[in-house]
C-alpha atoms as a PDB file:
ATOM      1  CA  MET A   1      73.780  53.813  81.341  1.00  0.00           C
ATOM      2  CA  ASP A   2      72.713  53.936  77.693  1.00  0.00           C
ATOM      3  CA  TRP A   3      73.940  56.776  75.486  1.00  0.00           C
ATOM      4  CA  HIS A   4      72.306  57.868  72.248  1.00  0.00           C
ATOM      5  CA  ILE A   5      73.100  60.099  69.280  1.00  0.00           C
ATOM      6  CA  ILE A   6      70.205  62.278  68.153  1.00  0.00           C
ATOM      7  CA  ASN A   7      69.577  65.688  66.634  1.00  0.00           C
ATOM      8  CA  HIS A   8      66.601  67.984  66.940  1.00  0.00           C
ATOM      9  CA  ARG A   9      64.307  65.720  64.914  1.00  0.00           C
ATOM     10  CA  ASP A  10      65.997  62.369  64.226  1.00  0.00           C
ATOM     11  CA  TYR A  11      67.276  59.400  66.154  1.00  0.00           C
ATOM     12  CA  ILE A  12      70.733  58.765  64.711  1.00  0.00           C
ATOM     13  CA  ASP A  13      72.232  55.783  66.549  1.00  0.00           C
ATOM     14  CA  GLY A  14      72.403  53.956  69.842  1.00  0.00           C
ATOM     15  CA  PRO A  15      72.208  52.828  72.471  1.00  0.00           C
ATOM     16  CA  PHE A  16      75.893  52.801  73.377  1.00  0.00           C
ATOM     17  CA  ALA A  17      77.270  51.399  76.608  1.00  0.00           C
ATOM     18  CA  THR A  18      79.471  54.420  77.331  1.00  0.00           C
ATOM     19  CA  PHE A  19      79.769  58.090  76.464  1.00  0.00           C
ATOM     20  CA  ASP A  20      83.155  57.397  74.848  1.00  0.00           C
ATOM     21  CA  ASP A  21      81.611  54.810  72.509  1.00  0.00           C
ATOM     22  CA  ALA A  22      78.880  57.241  71.480  1.00  0.00           C
ATOM     23  CA  GLN A  23      81.404  60.042  71.033  1.00  0.00           C
ATOM     24  CA  ARG A  24      83.629  57.905  68.789  1.00  0.00           C
ATOM     25  CA  GLU A  25      80.627  57.019  66.629  1.00  0.00           C
ATOM     26  CA  ALA A  26      79.605  60.683  66.382  1.00  0.00           C
ATOM     27  CA  PHE A  27      83.123  61.550  65.224  1.00  0.00           C
ATOM     28  CA  VAL A  28      82.849  58.886  62.517  1.00  0.00           C
ATOM     29  CA  LEU A  29      79.441  60.227  61.443  1.00  0.00           C
ATOM     30  CA  GLY A  30      80.818  63.772  61.333  1.00  0.00           C
ATOM     31  CA  ASP A  31      83.994  62.804  59.434  1.00  0.00           C
ATOM     32  CA  GLU A  32      86.015  64.435  62.181  1.00  0.00           C
ATOM     33  CA  THR A  33      89.434  65.670  61.048  1.00  0.00           C
ATOM     34  CA  ARG A  34      90.266  68.239  63.736  1.00  0.00           C
ATOM     35  CA  SER A  35      92.742  67.541  66.525  1.00  0.00           C
ATOM     36  CA  MET A  36      90.347  69.202  69.013  1.00  0.00           C
ATOM     37  CA  PRO A  37      86.737  68.306  68.081  1.00  0.00           C
ATOM     38  CA  ARG A  38      84.036  70.804  69.056  1.00  0.00           C
ATOM     39  CA  ILE A  39      81.975  69.164  71.747  1.00  0.00           C
ATOM     40  CA  THR A  40      80.279  71.064  74.556  1.00  0.00           C
ATOM     41  CA  ARG A  41      78.345  70.009  77.619  1.00  0.00           C
ATOM     42  CA  LYS A  42      74.838  71.471  77.712  1.00  0.00           C
ATOM     43  CA  ALA A  43      73.540  69.668  80.798  1.00  0.00           C
ATOM     44  CA  ARG A  44      74.206  66.588  82.892  1.00  0.00           C
ATOM     45  CA  ASP A  45      74.663  63.680  80.454  1.00  0.00           C
ATOM     46  CA  PHE A  46      73.879  65.910  77.438  1.00  0.00           C
ATOM     47  CA  TYR A  47      76.621  67.003  75.013  1.00  0.00           C
ATOM     48  CA  VAL A  48      76.535  68.745  71.636  1.00  0.00           C
ATOM     49  CA  TYR A  49      79.060  67.772  68.958  1.00  0.00           C
ATOM     50  CA  LYS A  50      79.523  70.100  65.981  1.00  0.00           C
ATOM     51  CA  PRO A  51      81.233  68.331  63.086  1.00  0.00           C
ATOM     52  CA  PRO A  52      83.658  70.139  60.792  1.00  0.00           C
ATOM     53  CA  TYR A  53      82.425  72.028  57.725  1.00  0.00           C
ATOM     54  CA  ASP A  54      81.898  69.632  54.824  1.00  0.00           C
ATOM     55  CA  ARG A  55      82.884  71.142  51.462  1.00  0.00           C
ATOM     56  CA  LYS A  56      80.615  68.712  49.609  1.00  0.00           C
ATOM     57  CA  GLU A  57      77.545  69.123  51.805  1.00  0.00           C
ATOM     58  CA  HIS A  58      78.330  72.707  52.922  1.00  0.00           C
ATOM     59  CA  TRP A  59      76.965  71.944  56.379  1.00  0.00           C
ATOM     60  CA  GLN A  60      76.378  69.102  58.758  1.00  0.00           C
ATOM     61  CA  PRO A  61      73.821  68.887  61.526  1.00  0.00           C
ATOM     62  CA  GLU A  62      75.099  68.944  65.075  1.00  0.00           C
ATOM     63  CA  TYR A  63      74.850  65.667  66.943  1.00  0.00           C
ATOM     64  CA  TRP A  64      73.498  65.445  70.461  1.00  0.00           C
ATOM     65  CA  ILE A  65      75.240  62.776  72.530  1.00  0.00           C
ATOM     66  CA  CYS A  66      73.063  62.125  75.535  1.00  0.00           C
ATOM     67  CA  THR A  67      71.224  59.696  77.700  1.00  0.00           C
ATOM     68  CA  LYS A  68      67.507  59.317  77.124  1.00  0.00           C
ATOM     69  CA  GLU A  69      66.806  60.749  80.573  1.00  0.00           C
ATOM     70  CA  ALA A  70      68.937  63.842  79.897  1.00  0.00           C
ATOM     71  CA  ALA A  71      67.274  64.391  76.522  1.00  0.00           C
ATOM     72  CA  LEU A  72      63.795  64.152  78.032  1.00  0.00           C
ATOM     73  CA  ALA A  73      64.829  66.659  80.713  1.00  0.00           C
ATOM     74  CA  GLN A  74      65.906  69.045  77.942  1.00  0.00           C
ATOM     75  CA  GLY A  75      62.488  68.817  76.266  1.00  0.00           C
ATOM     76  CA  VAL A  76      63.187  66.199  73.604  1.00  0.00           C
ATOM     77  CA  THR A  77      60.054  64.195  72.885  1.00  0.00           C
ATOM     78  CA  GLU A  78      60.123  60.527  73.881  1.00  0.00           C
ATOM     79  CA  ALA A  79      58.705  59.578  70.467  1.00  0.00           C
ATOM     80  CA  LEU A  80      62.081  60.477  68.962  1.00  0.00           C
ATOM     81  CA  PHE A  81      63.606  57.421  70.634  1.00  0.00           C
ATOM     82  CA  ASN A  82      61.032  55.128  69.000  1.00  0.00           C
ATOM     83  CA  GLN A  83      62.238  55.894  65.480  1.00  0.00           C
ATOM     84  CA  CYS A  84      63.765  52.970  63.627  1.00  0.00           C
ATOM     85  CA  THR A  85      67.462  53.324  62.778  1.00  0.00           C
ATOM     86  CA  GLN A  86      67.589  50.220  60.558  1.00  0.00           C
ATOM     87  CA  ALA A  87      66.497  50.213  56.914  1.00  0.00           C
ATOM     88  CA  ALA A  88      63.614  47.805  56.365  1.00  0.00           C
END
């Protein structure tokens, strides 16, 4: 099963072979420093990770760690998965 990291408007990274791989990458993206990261399950195969407050940026977007199928079931548009994650 392929896992992806997205937010409400951007494709961030993926696919990952496992949820744990995607979660580790999300923690790197969020500069996770907490011993108990804030990650909640919203639906089957759909999790929301809220990174810690960033004093430089003052906020960070939450990351959705999910399968494509779970995201589509939650109303995410399929076009989101067609975005390029590599710089040209």
